[in-house]
Protein backbone atom coordinates (compact mmCIF):
# COMPACT_ATOMS: atom_id res chain seq x y z
CA MET A 1 -14.88 -25.88 -18.26
CA SER A 2 -16.96 -29.03 -18.87
CA ARG A 3 -20.42 -29.52 -17.37
CA LEU A 4 -19.09 -32.50 -15.41
CA PHE A 5 -16.32 -30.42 -13.90
CA GLU A 6 -18.81 -27.69 -13.00
CA ARG A 7 -21.01 -30.22 -11.19
CA GLN A 8 -18.04 -31.72 -9.35
CA LEU A 9 -16.77 -28.28 -8.38
CA GLU A 10 -20.21 -27.43 -7.03
CA GLU A 11 -20.14 -30.69 -5.09
CA LEU A 12 -16.74 -29.70 -3.69
CA HIS A 13 -18.15 -26.39 -2.52
CA MET A 14 -21.07 -28.13 -0.80
CA GLN A 15 -18.75 -30.62 0.88
CA MET A 16 -16.51 -27.80 2.09
CA ILE A 17 -19.55 -26.02 3.55
CA ASP A 18 -20.58 -29.23 5.32
CA MET A 19 -17.09 -29.66 6.80
CA GLY A 20 -17.03 -26.03 7.88
CA GLU A 21 -20.39 -26.46 9.63
CA LEU A 22 -19.04 -29.51 11.44
CA CYS A 23 -16.08 -27.44 12.64
CA GLU A 24 -18.43 -24.73 13.87
CA LYS A 25 -20.51 -27.36 15.65
CA ALA A 26 -17.44 -28.85 17.33
CA ILE A 27 -16.28 -25.46 18.63
CA SER A 28 -19.74 -24.55 19.95
CA LEU A 29 -20.16 -27.93 21.62
CA CYS A 30 -16.79 -27.79 23.35
CA VAL A 31 -17.80 -24.45 24.94
CA ARG A 32 -20.99 -26.09 26.21
CA ALA A 33 -18.87 -28.94 27.56
CA LEU A 34 -16.74 -26.41 29.42
CA GLN A 35 -19.77 -24.64 30.85
CA ARG A 36 -21.77 -27.71 31.85
CA GLN A 37 -18.96 -30.23 32.32
CA GLY A 38 -21.07 -33.12 31.07
CA GLU A 39 -19.56 -36.26 29.63
CA GLU A 40 -22.51 -36.49 27.24
CA ILE A 41 -21.67 -33.14 25.66
CA ALA A 42 -17.97 -33.97 25.50
CA GLU A 43 -18.84 -37.22 23.70
CA GLN A 44 -20.81 -35.17 21.14
CA VAL A 45 -17.61 -33.22 20.44
CA PHE A 46 -15.65 -36.45 19.99
CA GLU A 47 -18.32 -37.79 17.61
CA THR A 48 -18.28 -34.54 15.62
CA ASP A 49 -14.49 -34.79 15.39
CA ARG A 50 -14.90 -38.27 13.91
CA GLU A 51 -17.40 -36.87 11.38
CA ILE A 52 -14.88 -34.18 10.44
CA ASP A 53 -12.23 -36.85 9.86
CA GLU A 54 -14.62 -38.78 7.61
CA LYS A 55 -15.56 -35.62 5.70
CA GLU A 56 -11.88 -34.87 5.17
CA ARG A 57 -11.44 -38.27 3.48
CA GLU A 58 -14.49 -37.69 1.28
CA ILE A 59 -13.28 -34.30 0.12
CA GLU A 60 -9.75 -35.57 -0.40
CA ASN A 61 -11.08 -38.34 -2.67
CA LEU A 62 -13.21 -35.86 -4.60
CA CYS A 63 -10.25 -33.52 -5.11
CA LEU A 64 -8.06 -36.37 -6.33
CA ARG A 65 -10.75 -37.41 -8.82
CA LEU A 66 -10.94 -33.85 -10.09
CA LEU A 67 -7.17 -33.65 -10.49
CA LEU A 68 -6.80 -37.05 -12.15
CA HIS A 69 -9.80 -37.02 -14.48
CA GLN A 70 -10.54 -33.35 -15.20
CA HIS A 71 -6.98 -31.98 -15.34
CA PRO A 72 -7.94 -28.47 -14.19
CA VAL A 73 -5.62 -25.57 -14.98
CA ALA A 74 -4.97 -22.04 -13.71
CA ARG A 75 -7.58 -20.83 -11.22
CA ASP A 76 -9.51 -24.12 -11.24
CA LEU A 77 -6.34 -26.02 -10.38
CA ARG A 78 -5.62 -23.58 -7.56
CA ALA A 79 -9.16 -24.00 -6.20
CA VAL A 80 -8.84 -27.78 -6.00
CA SER A 81 -5.31 -27.77 -4.59
CA SER A 82 -6.29 -25.10 -2.05
CA ALA A 83 -9.24 -27.22 -0.92
CA LEU A 84 -6.81 -30.07 -0.18
CA LYS A 85 -4.77 -27.74 2.02
CA MET A 86 -7.83 -26.24 3.71
CA ILE A 87 -9.31 -29.56 4.82
CA SER A 88 -6.07 -30.36 6.62
CA ASP A 89 -6.49 -27.24 8.77
CA MET A 90 -10.19 -27.98 9.26
CA GLU A 91 -9.34 -31.48 10.47
CA ARG A 92 -6.93 -29.95 13.01
CA ILE A 93 -9.72 -27.62 14.20
CA GLY A 94 -11.79 -30.71 14.97
CA ASP A 95 -8.88 -32.27 16.84
CA GLN A 96 -8.39 -29.18 18.97
CA ALA A 97 -12.09 -28.92 19.76
CA ALA A 98 -11.86 -32.53 20.96
CA ASP A 99 -8.82 -31.60 23.07
CA ILE A 100 -10.84 -28.82 24.69
CA ALA A 101 -13.73 -31.22 25.36
CA ASP A 102 -11.29 -33.63 26.98
CA LEU A 103 -10.01 -30.86 29.24
CA SER A 104 -13.59 -29.97 30.18
CA LEU A 105 -13.86 -33.28 32.01
CA TYR A 106 -11.14 -32.26 34.45
CA ILE A 107 -11.57 -28.50 34.95
CA ARG A 108 -13.07 -27.67 38.34
CA GLN A 109 -15.40 -24.71 38.02
CA ASP A 110 -15.45 -22.09 40.76
CA GLY A 111 -17.99 -19.41 41.57
CA ASP A 112 -16.85 -17.25 38.66
CA GLY A 113 -17.74 -19.85 36.02
CA LEU A 114 -16.05 -19.96 32.64
CA PRO A 115 -14.12 -16.72 31.98
CA ALA A 116 -16.03 -14.54 29.51
CA GLU A 117 -12.84 -13.98 27.52
CA ILE A 118 -12.70 -17.68 26.61
CA VAL A 119 -16.33 -17.61 25.48
CA ARG A 120 -15.54 -14.61 23.26
CA MET A 121 -12.55 -16.44 21.79
CA ALA A 122 -14.82 -19.34 20.88
CA GLN A 123 -17.40 -17.06 19.29
CA ASP A 124 -14.76 -15.22 17.27
CA THR A 125 -13.07 -18.41 16.06
CA VAL A 126 -16.44 -19.83 14.93
CA GLU A 127 -16.97 -16.65 12.91
CA MET A 128 -13.48 -16.91 11.42
CA VAL A 129 -14.04 -20.52 10.32
CA THR A 130 -17.45 -19.64 8.85
CA ASP A 131 -16.07 -16.64 6.97
CA SER A 132 -13.03 -18.50 5.62
CA VAL A 133 -15.16 -21.29 4.10
CA GLU A 134 -17.69 -18.79 2.74
CA ALA A 135 -14.81 -16.84 1.18
CA PHE A 136 -13.69 -20.01 -0.62
CA VAL A 137 -17.14 -20.83 -1.97
CA LYS A 138 -17.82 -17.25 -3.08
CA ALA A 139 -14.21 -16.51 -4.12
CA ASP A 140 -14.48 -13.44 -1.87
CA LEU A 141 -11.04 -11.90 -1.48
CA ALA A 142 -12.21 -9.17 0.91
CA LEU A 143 -13.80 -11.72 3.25
CA CYS A 144 -10.73 -13.94 3.44
CA ARG A 145 -8.58 -10.91 4.25
CA LYS A 146 -11.07 -9.97 6.99
CA VAL A 147 -10.43 -13.41 8.55
CA ILE A 148 -6.69 -12.75 8.51
CA ARG A 149 -7.22 -9.41 10.28
CA ASP A 150 -9.63 -10.96 12.81
CA ASP A 151 -6.83 -13.16 14.10
CA ASP A 152 -5.34 -10.11 15.84
CA ARG A 153 -8.50 -9.83 17.94
CA VAL A 154 -8.29 -13.49 18.98
CA ASP A 155 -4.63 -13.02 19.93
CA GLN A 156 -5.58 -10.02 22.07
CA GLU A 157 -8.31 -12.04 23.75
CA PHE A 158 -5.77 -14.77 24.54
CA ASN A 159 -3.61 -12.19 26.28
CA GLN A 160 -6.66 -11.03 28.23
CA VAL A 161 -7.34 -14.61 29.29
CA LYS A 162 -3.79 -14.95 30.62
CA LYS A 163 -4.18 -11.77 32.68
CA ARG A 164 -7.62 -12.82 33.94
CA LEU A 165 -6.38 -16.26 35.01
CA ALA A 166 -3.34 -14.75 36.72
CA ASP A 167 -5.67 -12.53 38.76
CA LEU A 168 -7.93 -15.47 39.65
CA LEU A 169 -4.95 -17.63 40.56
CA CYS A 170 -3.69 -14.96 42.95
CA SER A 171 -7.07 -14.79 44.64
CA HIS A 172 -8.75 -18.17 44.85
CA MET A 173 -8.61 -20.34 41.73
CA ASP A 174 -7.20 -23.86 41.89
CA ALA A 175 -3.83 -23.96 40.09
CA MET A 176 -4.64 -27.04 37.99
CA SER A 177 -7.93 -25.53 36.82
CA ALA A 178 -6.12 -22.31 35.88
CA LEU A 179 -3.58 -24.27 33.83
CA ASP A 180 -6.31 -26.28 32.11
CA LEU A 181 -8.21 -23.08 31.26
CA LEU A 182 -5.01 -21.54 29.91
CA MET A 183 -4.52 -24.60 27.69
CA THR A 184 -8.14 -24.27 26.58
CA ALA A 185 -7.56 -20.65 25.57
CA LYS A 186 -4.40 -21.70 23.73
CA TYR A 187 -6.38 -24.28 21.74
CA PHE A 188 -8.87 -21.58 20.74
CA GLU A 189 -5.96 -19.35 19.72
CA ARG A 190 -4.63 -22.19 17.55
CA ILE A 191 -8.08 -22.68 16.00
CA GLY A 192 -7.91 -19.01 15.00
CA ASP A 193 -4.52 -19.66 13.40
CA HIS A 194 -5.96 -22.56 11.41
CA ALA A 195 -8.79 -20.32 10.21
CA VAL A 196 -6.16 -17.86 9.03
CA ASN A 197 -4.34 -20.65 7.20
CA ILE A 198 -7.62 -21.53 5.45
CA ALA A 199 -8.14 -17.89 4.49
CA GLU A 200 -4.61 -17.65 3.11
CA TRP A 201 -5.25 -20.65 0.88
CA VAL A 202 -8.48 -19.01 -0.29
CA GLU A 203 -6.46 -15.91 -1.15
CA TYR A 204 -4.04 -18.10 -3.10
CA SER A 205 -6.87 -19.80 -4.99
CA ILE A 206 -8.10 -16.38 -6.13
CA THR A 207 -4.87 -14.47 -6.71
CA GLY A 208 -2.20 -17.12 -7.21
CA GLU A 209 -0.23 -15.63 -4.33
CA HIS A 210 0.32 -17.22 -0.93
CA ARG A 211 1.38 -15.46 2.24
CA SER A 212 4.16 -16.59 4.54
CA ASN A 213 3.34 -18.61 7.66
CA GLU A 214 3.77 -15.53 9.82
CA HIS A 215 0.43 -14.16 8.55
CA GLN A 216 2.00 -10.83 7.79
CA ALA A 217 0.19 -8.63 5.31
CA GLY A 218 2.15 -8.33 2.12
CA ALA A 219 4.63 -11.10 2.98
CA LEU A 220 4.37 -13.49 0.05
CA ASN A 221 6.49 -16.55 -0.53
CA PHE A 222 5.40 -17.77 -3.93
CA LYS A 223 3.27 -16.83 -6.88
CA ILE A 224 1.66 -18.73 -9.75
């Protein structure tokens, strides 16, 4: 591996960390937007989503330069190609955080406030995104597999949200607010799925094996 390639790979890692931090910021801000229902906070989410889009283009250009000029092979090639796949999922995380912020402008809060289950989903998905990017930078196979397992917890929390909203709807909650909160929880569940996709590409970059889209342990669809 040439010194130039090492420097560019290090730059790739730093750019991936930056994009991951932007995703974490977007998720955290959209929860604040839900809790406070302020247009100012929602606009911060939209601006962060635009920053994520710009960072995706920067990383994509860097990866293409690495592929065209450095001609990486084996594990190095997998690392660069995996990064290209990962940033696509990270860009979608930004989009879904923006979708949640948009919903926050219309949800009418009642006396119960934001359901705690939704807050937990947000916290867990932030952790999953953080861990998946860290696993890529550190080539940590155990950490990326932890992210894949953590998705089960987010799925369980989504089911808890559905039950909680059904109870609130039967008692006093406005139907439109309940539907908007359900959509919000679904977006968080999808963010968890994107974090799993990222982790699966990290696993591929390390092992040369990629799981199926069903996120089932041991279900592999190709190997290099």
